[in-house]
Amino acid sequence: MNSSVRSDLAIESAEMFNKTEKLRGVRIYEEEGKTSDIHITRVIVENAEGAEKLGKDIGEYITLEVPMLDQTDVSYHREITGEVARQLKKLIPDIKNKKILVAGIGNREMSPDALGPMVAEHLFITRHLIREYGRTSDITRGMGCVSALSPGVMAQTGIETREILLGTVNMTKPDVLIAIDALAARSAHRLNKTIQITNTGIAPGSGIGNRRFGINEESMGIPVIAIGIPTVIDAATIVNDMIGNFLEVLNQTKNSLSEKIQESVGYFDDQERYQLMRELMAPEMMHMFVTPKNIDEIIVQMSYTLSESINQICHSLS
């Protein structure tokens, strides 16, 4: 069993290294978004050495940290939509002239995993209109060519998500595949507050230790852009974070008890302490993942934000 700290976010993988340690083969850039309170981090994995070190495929990972992403402020979500659209355009040049297939990955019946299917539901689908009337008619003026599907999960279909998508790609011939999926985070403060966009594709279920076959350019034969938001965190990570906070408090409290506790567990690094927490947890808790209690309404809000970003970059209807 792989007991490494589970996270789908490249930024969290990079943070697990000492800040003074240079990650060879990995470049990291930070900037502030055009919208206030949005912090953007670009992690670029340049070669095999960087990929092995970080545990991520070669490519670019754009992380938008949005403190109010889980809030219901409609005007602010419009600003988030614009920022996500700007970042997508950097990875998909000339997108309005491309045929786009959007795949809503996940299980529509489980709220923390319903992000992908719900985004697909809210999209402005136009491929059938383009096929019927062409791109130059009055009816389709300003429309991009967008199609979408929600392939479900293997437990529902008995078919690998990659197999369903590959068949669709071979039949419909899109230029780009955009895959939307819920992710797993390493840090609780990133739950429903972080958007990751990457040109490396996606491995459905990898964040919860249920790794399926990858959906990427190599397997699909076309560029694959993955968009994800972390909606769950595993229980061992929460316990590990609490122990870390506890040790920080002890470090400021100088007495014999705190010194003894520091001597026993204080020398463990974060990864070693995480593995210890997993070993100490009851078996029934080892595969437990946690999500906020209001995840149903959060998912609805975030799905509209992502779908509007895709609609915005694919169509020019105003």
C-alpha atoms as a PDB file:
ATOM      1  CA  MET A   1       0.000   0.000   0.000  1.00  0.00           C
ATOM      2  CA  ASN A   2       1.250   3.451  -0.919  1.00  0.00           C
ATOM      3  CA  SER A   3       1.271   5.476   2.266  1.00  0.00           C
ATOM      4  CA  SER A   4       2.542   8.739   0.813  1.00  0.00           C
ATOM      5  CA  VAL A   5       0.580  11.905   1.544  1.00  0.00           C
ATOM      6  CA  ARG A   6      -2.239  11.936  -0.963  1.00  0.00           C
ATOM      7  CA  SER A   7      -2.653  15.029  -3.128  1.00  0.00           C
ATOM      8  CA  ASP A   8      -3.545  15.712  -6.744  1.00  0.00           C
ATOM      9  CA  LEU A   9      -2.100  19.220  -6.527  1.00  0.00           C
ATOM     10  CA  ALA A  10       1.351  19.867  -7.966  1.00  0.00           C
ATOM     11  CA  ILE A  11       1.775  22.894  -5.717  1.00  0.00           C
ATOM     12  CA  GLU A  12       1.390  20.696  -2.638  1.00  0.00           C
ATOM     13  CA  SER A  13       3.929  18.198  -3.944  1.00  0.00           C
ATOM     14  CA  ALA A  14       6.401  21.073  -4.390  1.00  0.00           C
ATOM     15  CA  GLU A  15       5.695  22.401  -0.882  1.00  0.00           C
ATOM     16  CA  MET A  16       6.669  19.069   0.676  1.00  0.00           C
ATOM     17  CA  PHE A  17      10.280  19.844  -0.162  1.00  0.00           C
ATOM     18  CA  ASN A  18      12.372  22.121   2.003  1.00  0.00           C
ATOM     19  CA  LYS A  19      11.989  25.710   0.803  1.00  0.00           C
ATOM     20  CA  THR A  20      15.769  25.986   0.523  1.00  0.00           C
ATOM     21  CA  GLU A  21      16.079  22.837  -1.565  1.00  0.00           C
ATOM     22  CA  LYS A  22      16.321  23.455  -5.290  1.00  0.00           C
ATOM     23  CA  LEU A  23      14.063  21.156  -7.288  1.00  0.00           C
ATOM     24  CA  ARG A  24      16.100  20.289 -10.368  1.00  0.00           C
ATOM     25  CA  GLY A  25      13.931  19.968 -13.438  1.00  0.00           C
ATOM     26  CA  VAL A  26      11.116  21.991 -11.835  1.00  0.00           C
ATOM     27  CA  ARG A  27      10.465  25.723 -12.209  1.00  0.00           C
ATOM     28  CA  ILE A  28       8.015  27.598  -9.996  1.00  0.00           C
ATOM     29  CA  TYR A  29       6.599  31.070 -10.690  1.00  0.00           C
ATOM     30  CA  GLU A  30       4.165  33.077  -8.597  1.00  0.00           C
ATOM     31  CA  GLU A  31       1.954  36.018  -9.517  1.00  0.00           C
ATOM     32  CA  GLU A  32      -1.189  37.803  -8.418  1.00  0.00           C
ATOM     33  CA  GLY A  33      -4.286  37.423 -10.571  1.00  0.00           C
ATOM     34  CA  LYS A  34      -6.045  40.366 -12.176  1.00  0.00           C
ATOM     35  CA  THR A  35      -8.805  39.775  -9.643  1.00  0.00           C
ATOM     36  CA  SER A  36      -8.008  40.657  -6.039  1.00  0.00           C
ATOM     37  CA  ASP A  37      -7.244  37.833  -3.593  1.00  0.00           C
ATOM     38  CA  ILE A  38      -6.420  35.304  -6.329  1.00  0.00           C
ATOM     39  CA  HIS A  39      -2.860  34.005  -6.105  1.00  0.00           C
ATOM     40  CA  ILE A  40      -1.475  32.083  -9.087  1.00  0.00           C
ATOM     41  CA  THR A  41       1.390  29.592  -8.961  1.00  0.00           C
ATOM     42  CA  ARG A  42       2.860  27.946 -12.052  1.00  0.00           C
ATOM     43  CA  VAL A  43       4.743  24.713 -11.536  1.00  0.00           C
ATOM     44  CA  ILE A  44       6.549  23.623 -14.692  1.00  0.00           C
ATOM     45  CA  VAL A  45       7.995  20.105 -14.687  1.00  0.00           C
ATOM     46  CA  GLU A  46      10.661  20.229 -17.382  1.00  0.00           C
ATOM     47  CA  ASN A  47      12.142  16.745 -17.575  1.00  0.00           C
ATOM     48  CA  ALA A  48      12.119  13.188 -16.240  1.00  0.00           C
ATOM     49  CA  GLU A  49      14.260  14.115 -13.237  1.00  0.00           C
ATOM     50  CA  GLY A  50      11.776  16.775 -12.169  1.00  0.00           C
ATOM     51  CA  ALA A  51       8.846  14.429 -12.800  1.00  0.00           C
ATOM     52  CA  GLU A  52      10.365  11.707 -10.621  1.00  0.00           C
ATOM     53  CA  LYS A  53      11.253  14.138  -7.863  1.00  0.00           C
ATOM     54  CA  LEU A  54       7.828  15.771  -7.770  1.00  0.00           C
ATOM     55  CA  GLY A  55       5.778  12.685  -8.588  1.00  0.00           C
ATOM     56  CA  LYS A  56       4.012  14.551 -11.393  1.00  0.00           C
ATOM     57  CA  ASP A  57       4.099  14.193 -15.170  1.00  0.00           C
ATOM     58  CA  ILE A  58       6.136  16.542 -17.356  1.00  0.00           C
ATOM     59  CA  GLY A  59       4.109  19.643 -18.194  1.00  0.00           C
ATOM     60  CA  GLU A  60       2.641  22.833 -16.752  1.00  0.00           C
ATOM     61  CA  TYR A  61       0.450  23.070 -13.656  1.00  0.00           C
ATOM     62  CA  ILE A  62      -1.379  26.329 -12.990  1.00  0.00           C
ATOM     63  CA  THR A  63      -2.826  26.696  -9.491  1.00  0.00           C
ATOM     64  CA  LEU A  64      -5.301  29.430  -8.616  1.00  0.00           C
ATOM     65  CA  GLU A  65      -5.706  29.891  -4.876  1.00  0.00           C
ATOM     66  CA  VAL A  66      -9.106  31.528  -4.370  1.00  0.00           C
ATOM     67  CA  PRO A  67     -10.040  32.067  -0.695  1.00  0.00           C
ATOM     68  CA  MET A  68     -13.692  32.828  -1.530  1.00  0.00           C
ATOM     69  CA  LEU A  69     -14.227  30.080  -4.112  1.00  0.00           C
ATOM     70  CA  ASP A  70     -16.623  28.241  -1.785  1.00  0.00           C
ATOM     71  CA  GLN A  71     -18.671  31.373  -1.067  1.00  0.00           C
ATOM     72  CA  THR A  72     -21.924  32.369  -2.814  1.00  0.00           C
ATOM     73  CA  ASP A  73     -20.914  35.890  -3.875  1.00  0.00           C
ATOM     74  CA  VAL A  74     -22.130  35.887  -7.501  1.00  0.00           C
ATOM     75  CA  SER A  75     -20.200  38.992  -8.545  1.00  0.00           C
ATOM     76  CA  TYR A  76     -16.939  37.560  -7.209  1.00  0.00           C
ATOM     77  CA  HIS A  77     -17.543  34.277  -9.030  1.00  0.00           C
ATOM     78  CA  ARG A  78     -17.801  36.269 -12.271  1.00  0.00           C
ATOM     79  CA  GLU A  79     -14.302  37.556 -11.581  1.00  0.00           C
ATOM     80  CA  ILE A  80     -13.072  34.024 -10.876  1.00  0.00           C
ATOM     81  CA  THR A  81     -14.631  32.906 -14.166  1.00  0.00           C
ATOM     82  CA  GLY A  82     -12.656  35.557 -16.017  1.00  0.00           C
ATOM     83  CA  GLU A  83      -9.373  34.561 -14.347  1.00  0.00           C
ATOM     84  CA  VAL A  84      -9.870  30.854 -15.107  1.00  0.00           C
ATOM     85  CA  ALA A  85     -10.696  31.740 -18.728  1.00  0.00           C
ATOM     86  CA  ARG A  86      -7.493  33.774 -19.041  1.00  0.00           C
ATOM     87  CA  GLN A  87      -5.384  30.896 -17.749  1.00  0.00           C
ATOM     88  CA  LEU A  88      -7.102  28.379 -20.046  1.00  0.00           C
ATOM     89  CA  LYS A  89      -6.369  30.546 -23.080  1.00  0.00           C
ATOM     90  CA  LYS A  90      -2.666  30.305 -22.281  1.00  0.00           C
ATOM     91  CA  LEU A  91      -2.813  26.510 -22.545  1.00  0.00           C
ATOM     92  CA  ILE A  92      -5.228  26.361 -25.520  1.00  0.00           C
ATOM     93  CA  PRO A  93      -4.271  29.018 -28.083  1.00  0.00           C
ATOM     94  CA  ASP A  94      -6.908  29.905 -30.702  1.00  0.00           C
ATOM     95  CA  ILE A  95      -9.505  27.840 -28.839  1.00  0.00           C
ATOM     96  CA  LYS A  96     -12.500  29.464 -30.561  1.00  0.00           C
ATOM     97  CA  ASN A  97     -11.441  27.837 -33.835  1.00  0.00           C
ATOM     98  CA  LYS A  98     -10.917  24.402 -32.317  1.00  0.00           C
ATOM     99  CA  LYS A  99     -13.357  21.551 -31.795  1.00  0.00           C
ATOM    100  CA  ILE A 100     -13.600  20.996 -28.036  1.00  0.00           C
ATOM    101  CA  LEU A 101     -14.759  17.881 -26.211  1.00  0.00           C
ATOM    102  CA  VAL A 102     -15.419  18.333 -22.483  1.00  0.00           C
ATOM    103  CA  ALA A 103     -15.443  15.252 -20.253  1.00  0.00           C
ATOM    104  CA  GLY A 104     -17.131  15.534 -16.861  1.00  0.00           C
ATOM    105  CA  ILE A 105     -15.232  12.884 -14.876  1.00  0.00           C
ATOM    106  CA  GLY A 106     -16.756  11.514 -11.689  1.00  0.00           C
ATOM    107  CA  ASN A 107     -19.881  10.129 -10.052  1.00  0.00           C
ATOM    108  CA  ARG A 108     -22.942  12.391 -10.334  1.00  0.00           C
ATOM    109  CA  GLU A 109     -24.566  10.572  -7.405  1.00  0.00           C
ATOM    110  CA  MET A 110     -21.824  11.520  -4.889  1.00  0.00           C
ATOM    111  CA  SER A 111     -21.596  15.232  -4.146  1.00  0.00           C
ATOM    112  CA  PRO A 112     -17.800  15.454  -3.576  1.00  0.00           C
ATOM    113  CA  ASP A 113     -17.268  13.633  -6.902  1.00  0.00           C
ATOM    114  CA  ALA A 114     -20.011  15.359  -8.901  1.00  0.00           C
ATOM    115  CA  LEU A 115     -18.021  18.396 -10.063  1.00  0.00           C
ATOM    116  CA  GLY A 116     -17.178  17.059 -13.531  1.00  0.00           C
ATOM    117  CA  PRO A 117     -20.673  15.832 -14.473  1.00  0.00           C
ATOM    118  CA  MET A 118     -22.265  19.053 -13.203  1.00  0.00           C
ATOM    119  CA  VAL A 119     -19.882  21.224 -15.232  1.00  0.00           C
ATOM    120  CA  ALA A 120     -20.793  19.212 -18.338  1.00  0.00           C
ATOM    121  CA  GLU A 121     -24.495  19.797 -17.619  1.00  0.00           C
ATOM    122  CA  HIS A 122     -24.081  23.585 -17.582  1.00  0.00           C
ATOM    123  CA  LEU A 123     -22.103  23.921 -20.827  1.00  0.00           C
ATOM    124  CA  PHE A 124     -23.443  25.532 -23.995  1.00  0.00           C
ATOM    125  CA  ILE A 125     -23.265  22.556 -26.377  1.00  0.00           C
ATOM    126  CA  THR A 126     -23.034  23.438 -30.064  1.00  0.00           C
ATOM    127  CA  ARG A 127     -21.409  20.609 -32.051  1.00  0.00           C
ATOM    128  CA  HIS A 128     -24.776  19.450 -33.426  1.00  0.00           C
ATOM    129  CA  LEU A 129     -25.599  22.985 -34.576  1.00  0.00           C
ATOM    130  CA  ILE A 130     -22.220  23.425 -36.252  1.00  0.00           C
ATOM    131  CA  ARG A 131     -22.683  20.106 -38.062  1.00  0.00           C
ATOM    132  CA  GLU A 132     -26.173  21.118 -39.213  1.00  0.00           C
ATOM    133  CA  TYR A 133     -25.619  24.750 -40.213  1.00  0.00           C
ATOM    134  CA  GLY A 134     -21.846  25.186 -40.484  1.00  0.00           C
ATOM    135  CA  ARG A 135     -19.774  27.877 -38.775  1.00  0.00           C
ATOM    136  CA  THR A 136     -20.746  30.807 -40.979  1.00  0.00           C
ATOM    137  CA  SER A 137     -24.555  30.782 -40.738  1.00  0.00           C
ATOM    138  CA  ASP A 138     -26.584  33.391 -38.841  1.00  0.00           C
ATOM    139  CA  ILE A 139     -27.698  30.692 -36.407  1.00  0.00           C
ATOM    140  CA  THR A 140     -24.189  29.665 -35.361  1.00  0.00           C
ATOM    141  CA  ARG A 141     -22.444  33.052 -35.602  1.00  0.00           C
ATOM    142  CA  GLY A 142     -20.078  33.425 -32.617  1.00  0.00           C
ATOM    143  CA  MET A 143     -20.410  29.808 -31.560  1.00  0.00           C
ATOM    144  CA  GLY A 144     -17.448  27.536 -31.013  1.00  0.00           C
ATOM    145  CA  CYS A 145     -17.757  23.808 -31.583  1.00  0.00           C
ATOM    146  CA  VAL A 146     -18.331  22.221 -28.163  1.00  0.00           C
ATOM    147  CA  SER A 147     -19.486  18.730 -27.248  1.00  0.00           C
ATOM    148  CA  ALA A 148     -19.570  17.073 -23.819  1.00  0.00           C
ATOM    149  CA  LEU A 149     -20.213  13.823 -22.039  1.00  0.00           C
ATOM    150  CA  SER A 150     -20.141  12.401 -18.514  1.00  0.00           C
ATOM    151  CA  PRO A 151     -18.745   8.858 -18.786  1.00  0.00           C
ATOM    152  CA  GLY A 152     -19.571   7.924 -15.193  1.00  0.00           C
ATOM    153  CA  VAL A 153     -17.275   5.725 -13.130  1.00  0.00           C
ATOM    154  CA  MET A 154     -16.205   2.139 -13.621  1.00  0.00           C
ATOM    155  CA  ALA A 155     -18.466   0.882 -10.823  1.00  0.00           C
ATOM    156  CA  GLN A 156     -21.451   2.216 -12.779  1.00  0.00           C
ATOM    157  CA  THR A 157     -20.466   1.211 -16.306  1.00  0.00           C
ATOM    158  CA  GLY A 158     -17.921  -1.602 -16.029  1.00  0.00           C
ATOM    159  CA  ILE A 159     -15.889   0.332 -18.584  1.00  0.00           C
ATOM    160  CA  GLU A 160     -12.703   2.312 -18.014  1.00  0.00           C
ATOM    161  CA  THR A 161     -13.245   6.056 -18.404  1.00  0.00           C
ATOM    162  CA  ARG A 162     -10.300   6.123 -20.803  1.00  0.00           C
ATOM    163  CA  GLU A 163     -11.966   3.537 -23.055  1.00  0.00           C
ATOM    164  CA  ILE A 164     -15.199   5.548 -23.266  1.00  0.00           C
ATOM    165  CA  LEU A 165     -13.345   8.772 -24.015  1.00  0.00           C
ATOM    166  CA  LEU A 166     -11.014   7.186 -26.552  1.00  0.00           C
ATOM    167  CA  GLY A 167     -13.986   5.787 -28.466  1.00  0.00           C
ATOM    168  CA  THR A 168     -15.656   9.206 -28.431  1.00  0.00           C
ATOM    169  CA  VAL A 169     -12.473  10.954 -29.547  1.00  0.00           C
ATOM    170  CA  ASN A 170     -11.985   8.498 -32.422  1.00  0.00           C
ATOM    171  CA  MET A 171     -15.557   8.997 -33.615  1.00  0.00           C
ATOM    172  CA  THR A 172     -16.033  12.746 -33.141  1.00  0.00           C
ATOM    173  CA  LYS A 173     -12.469  13.947 -33.924  1.00  0.00           C
ATOM    174  CA  PRO A 174     -12.132  16.880 -31.485  1.00  0.00           C
ATOM    175  CA  ASP A 175      -8.982  19.003 -31.472  1.00  0.00           C
ATOM    176  CA  VAL A 176      -8.739  19.253 -27.675  1.00  0.00           C
ATOM    177  CA  LEU A 177     -10.150  17.299 -24.731  1.00  0.00           C
ATOM    178  CA  ILE A 178     -10.907  19.205 -21.520  1.00  0.00           C
ATOM    179  CA  ALA A 179     -11.319  16.854 -18.542  1.00  0.00           C
ATOM    180  CA  ILE A 180     -13.010  18.134 -15.378  1.00  0.00           C
ATOM    181  CA  ASP A 181     -12.616  16.187 -12.134  1.00  0.00           C
ATOM    182  CA  ALA A 182     -12.766  16.580  -8.365  1.00  0.00           C
ATOM    183  CA  LEU A 183      -9.375  16.247  -6.676  1.00  0.00           C
ATOM    184  CA  ALA A 184      -7.916  15.311  -3.286  1.00  0.00           C
ATOM    185  CA  ALA A 185      -5.895  17.855  -1.312  1.00  0.00           C
ATOM    186  CA  ARG A 186      -3.051  17.592   1.175  1.00  0.00           C
ATOM    187  CA  SER A 187      -4.021  20.737   3.115  1.00  0.00           C
ATOM    188  CA  ALA A 188      -7.470  21.377   4.567  1.00  0.00           C
ATOM    189  CA  HIS A 189      -7.247  25.095   3.787  1.00  0.00           C
ATOM    190  CA  ARG A 190      -7.192  24.276   0.061  1.00  0.00           C
ATOM    191  CA  LEU A 191     -10.463  22.324   0.086  1.00  0.00           C
ATOM    192  CA  ASN A 192     -12.891  24.047  -2.311  1.00  0.00           C
ATOM    193  CA  LYS A 193     -10.546  27.048  -2.490  1.00  0.00           C
ATOM    194  CA  THR A 194      -8.083  25.958  -5.178  1.00  0.00           C
ATOM    195  CA  ILE A 195      -8.348  25.404  -8.927  1.00  0.00           C
ATOM    196  CA  GLN A 196      -5.661  23.452 -10.786  1.00  0.00           C
ATOM    197  CA  ILE A 197      -5.328  23.620 -14.564  1.00  0.00           C
ATOM    198  CA  THR A 198      -2.765  21.448 -16.311  1.00  0.00           C
ATOM    199  CA  ASN A 199      -1.820  20.280 -19.793  1.00  0.00           C
ATOM    200  CA  THR A 200      -0.691  16.868 -18.503  1.00  0.00           C
ATOM    201  CA  GLY A 201      -4.127  15.263 -18.398  1.00  0.00           C
ATOM    202  CA  ILE A 202      -5.540  13.371 -15.451  1.00  0.00           C
ATOM    203  CA  ALA A 203      -5.543   9.981 -13.691  1.00  0.00           C
ATOM    204  CA  PRO A 204      -9.097   9.556 -12.320  1.00  0.00           C
ATOM    205  CA  GLY A 205      -9.221   8.435  -8.690  1.00  0.00           C
ATOM    206  CA  SER A 206      -5.489   8.805  -8.052  1.00  0.00           C
ATOM    207  CA  GLY A 207      -5.946  11.209  -5.135  1.00  0.00           C
ATOM    208  CA  ILE A 208      -7.985   8.668  -3.157  1.00  0.00           C
ATOM    209  CA  GLY A 209      -5.650   5.763  -3.928  1.00  0.00           C
ATOM    210  CA  ASN A 210      -7.832   4.328  -6.707  1.00  0.00           C
ATOM    211  CA  ARG A 211      -5.689   5.169  -9.697  1.00  0.00           C
ATOM    212  CA  ARG A 212      -7.237   4.384 -13.079  1.00  0.00           C
ATOM    213  CA  PHE A 213      -5.584   4.554 -16.483  1.00  0.00           C
ATOM    214  CA  GLY A 214      -4.378   8.031 -17.408  1.00  0.00           C
ATOM    215  CA  ILE A 215      -6.309  10.360 -19.683  1.00  0.00           C
ATOM    216  CA  ASN A 216      -3.624  12.352 -21.448  1.00  0.00           C
ATOM    217  CA  GLU A 217      -2.260  13.243 -24.862  1.00  0.00           C
ATOM    218  CA  GLU A 218      -0.423   9.937 -25.139  1.00  0.00           C
ATOM    219  CA  SER A 219      -3.556   7.848 -24.535  1.00  0.00           C
ATOM    220  CA  MET A 220      -6.059  10.093 -26.343  1.00  0.00           C
ATOM    221  CA  GLY A 221      -3.968  11.186 -29.326  1.00  0.00           C
ATOM    222  CA  ILE A 222      -4.959  14.855 -28.848  1.00  0.00           C
ATOM    223  CA  PRO A 223      -3.996  17.540 -26.300  1.00  0.00           C
ATOM    224  CA  VAL A 224      -5.714  17.046 -22.933  1.00  0.00           C
ATOM    225  CA  ILE A 225      -6.318  19.905 -20.505  1.00  0.00           C
ATOM    226  CA  ALA A 226      -7.399  18.912 -16.991  1.00  0.00           C
ATOM    227  CA  ILE A 227      -9.245  21.219 -14.609  1.00  0.00           C
ATOM    228  CA  GLY A 228      -9.812  20.178 -11.018  1.00  0.00           C
ATOM    229  CA  ILE A 229     -10.863  21.455  -7.614  1.00  0.00           C
ATOM    230  CA  PRO A 230      -9.972  19.552  -4.404  1.00  0.00           C
ATOM    231  CA  THR A 231     -13.123  18.505  -2.581  1.00  0.00           C
ATOM    232  CA  VAL A 232     -11.811  15.830  -0.176  1.00  0.00           C
ATOM    233  CA  ILE A 233      -8.912  15.224   2.187  1.00  0.00           C
ATOM    234  CA  ASP A 234      -8.017  11.945   3.852  1.00  0.00           C
ATOM    235  CA  ALA A 235      -8.448  11.495   7.608  1.00  0.00           C
ATOM    236  CA  ALA A 236      -4.765  10.684   8.255  1.00  0.00           C
ATOM    237  CA  THR A 237      -3.770  14.047   6.804  1.00  0.00           C
ATOM    238  CA  ILE A 238      -6.108  15.877   9.174  1.00  0.00           C
ATOM    239  CA  VAL A 239      -4.654  14.028  12.169  1.00  0.00           C
ATOM    240  CA  ASN A 240      -1.133  14.685  10.889  1.00  0.00           C
ATOM    241  CA  ASP A 241      -1.818  18.418  10.582  1.00  0.00           C
ATOM    242  CA  MET A 242      -3.227  18.519  14.110  1.00  0.00           C
ATOM    243  CA  ILE A 243      -0.093  16.802  15.458  1.00  0.00           C
ATOM    244  CA  GLY A 244       2.049  19.289  13.548  1.00  0.00           C
ATOM    245  CA  ASN A 245       0.171  22.228  15.104  1.00  0.00           C
ATOM    246  CA  PHE A 246       0.447  20.580  18.512  1.00  0.00           C
ATOM    247  CA  LEU A 247       4.216  20.237  18.156  1.00  0.00           C
ATOM    248  CA  GLU A 248       4.515  23.904  17.198  1.00  0.00           C
ATOM    249  CA  VAL A 249       2.687  24.869  20.384  1.00  0.00           C
ATOM    250  CA  LEU A 250       4.896  22.548  22.431  1.00  0.00           C
ATOM    251  CA  ASN A 251       7.967  24.094  20.868  1.00  0.00           C
ATOM    252  CA  GLN A 252       6.921  27.409  22.417  1.00  0.00           C
ATOM    253  CA  THR A 253       6.210  25.805  25.796  1.00  0.00           C
ATOM    254  CA  LYS A 254       9.411  24.893  27.565  1.00  0.00           C
ATOM    255  CA  ASN A 255       8.847  22.264  30.256  1.00  0.00           C
ATOM    256  CA  SER A 256       9.826  18.665  30.902  1.00  0.00           C
ATOM    257  CA  LEU A 257       6.639  17.212  29.375  1.00  0.00           C
ATOM    258  CA  SER A 258       6.935  19.150  26.137  1.00  0.00           C
ATOM    259  CA  GLU A 259      10.592  18.206  25.845  1.00  0.00           C
ATOM    260  CA  LYS A 260       9.774  14.505  26.235  1.00  0.00           C
ATOM    261  CA  ILE A 261       7.062  14.679  23.561  1.00  0.00           C
ATOM    262  CA  GLN A 262       9.392  16.547  21.228  1.00  0.00           C
ATOM    263  CA  GLU A 263      12.054  13.891  21.769  1.00  0.00           C
ATOM    264  CA  SER A 264       9.613  11.103  20.856  1.00  0.00           C
ATOM    265  CA  VAL A 265       7.978  12.469  17.684  1.00  0.00           C
ATOM    266  CA  GLY A 266       9.444  15.894  17.053  1.00  0.00           C
ATOM    267  CA  TYR A 267      12.302  14.633  14.906  1.00  0.00           C
ATOM    268  CA  PHE A 268       9.962  13.024  12.323  1.00  0.00           C
ATOM    269  CA  ASP A 269       9.543  14.945   9.083  1.00  0.00           C
ATOM    270  CA  ASP A 270       6.052  15.543   7.694  1.00  0.00           C
ATOM    271  CA  GLN A 271       6.033  12.429   5.502  1.00  0.00           C
ATOM    272  CA  GLU A 272       7.272  10.136   8.287  1.00  0.00           C
ATOM    273  CA  ARG A 273       4.736  11.546  10.701  1.00  0.00           C
ATOM    274  CA  TYR A 274       1.944  11.000   8.155  1.00  0.00           C
ATOM    275  CA  GLN A 275       2.948   7.348   7.767  1.00  0.00           C
ATOM    276  CA  LEU A 276       2.985   6.974  11.556  1.00  0.00           C
ATOM    277  CA  MET A 277      -0.541   8.413  11.792  1.00  0.00           C
ATOM    278  CA  ARG A 278      -1.799   5.932   9.188  1.00  0.00           C
ATOM    279  CA  GLU A 279      -0.245   3.031  11.084  1.00  0.00           C
ATOM    280  CA  LEU A 280      -1.821   4.157  14.370  1.00  0.00           C
ATOM    281  CA  MET A 281      -5.305   4.726  12.951  1.00  0.00           C
ATOM    282  CA  ALA A 282      -7.993   2.061  13.243  1.00  0.00           C
ATOM    283  CA  PRO A 283      -8.300  -0.007  10.031  1.00  0.00           C
ATOM    284  CA  GLU A 284     -11.797   1.315   9.322  1.00  0.00           C
ATOM    285  CA  MET A 285     -10.452   4.888   9.277  1.00  0.00           C
ATOM    286  CA  MET A 286      -7.481   4.312   6.977  1.00  0.00           C
ATOM    287  CA  HIS A 287      -9.571   4.784   3.837  1.00  0.00           C
ATOM    288  CA  MET A 288     -11.787   7.525   5.197  1.00  0.00           C
ATOM    289  CA  PHE A 289     -11.972  10.826   3.303  1.00  0.00           C
ATOM    290  CA  VAL A 290     -13.498  14.018   4.651  1.00  0.00           C
ATOM    291  CA  THR A 291     -15.424  16.775   2.877  1.00  0.00           C
ATOM    292  CA  PRO A 292     -17.203  19.930   4.185  1.00  0.00           C
ATOM    293  CA  LYS A 293     -20.787  19.479   5.375  1.00  0.00           C
ATOM    294  CA  ASN A 294     -22.150  21.988   2.836  1.00  0.00           C
ATOM    295  CA  ILE A 295     -20.438  20.302  -0.127  1.00  0.00           C
ATOM    296  CA  ASP A 296     -23.737  19.990  -2.062  1.00  0.00           C
ATOM    297  CA  GLU A 297     -24.223  23.742  -2.470  1.00  0.00           C
ATOM    298  CA  ILE A 298     -20.488  24.362  -2.907  1.00  0.00           C
ATOM    299  CA  ILE A 299     -20.278  21.922  -5.813  1.00  0.00           C
ATOM    300  CA  VAL A 300     -23.227  23.575  -7.563  1.00  0.00           C
ATOM    301  CA  GLN A 301     -21.617  27.014  -7.238  1.00  0.00           C
ATOM    302  CA  MET A 302     -18.188  25.880  -8.403  1.00  0.00           C
ATOM    303  CA  SER A 303     -19.583  23.893 -11.324  1.00  0.00           C
ATOM    304  CA  TYR A 304     -21.259  27.016 -12.699  1.00  0.00           C
ATOM    305  CA  THR A 305     -18.006  28.958 -12.294  1.00  0.00           C
ATOM    306  CA  LEU A 306     -15.991  26.429 -14.320  1.00  0.00           C
ATOM    307  CA  SER A 307     -18.667  25.915 -16.974  1.00  0.00           C
ATOM    308  CA  GLU A 308     -18.964  29.661 -17.530  1.00  0.00           C
ATOM    309  CA  SER A 309     -15.180  29.891 -17.925  1.00  0.00           C
ATOM    310  CA  ILE A 310     -15.291  27.283 -20.693  1.00  0.00           C
ATOM    311  CA  ASN A 311     -18.336  28.887 -22.315  1.00  0.00           C
ATOM    312  CA  GLN A 312     -16.541  32.231 -22.254  1.00  0.00           C
ATOM    313  CA  ILE A 313     -13.417  31.050 -24.059  1.00  0.00           C
ATOM    314  CA  CYS A 314     -15.239  28.842 -26.580  1.00  0.00           C
ATOM    315  CA  HIS A 315     -17.982  31.229 -27.732  1.00  0.00           C
ATOM    316  CA  SER A 316     -18.243  34.905 -28.742  1.00  0.00           C
ATOM    317  CA  LEU A 317     -21.976  35.504 -28.429  1.00  0.00           C
ATOM    318  CA  SER A 318     -22.090  39.021 -26.953  1.00  0.00           C
END
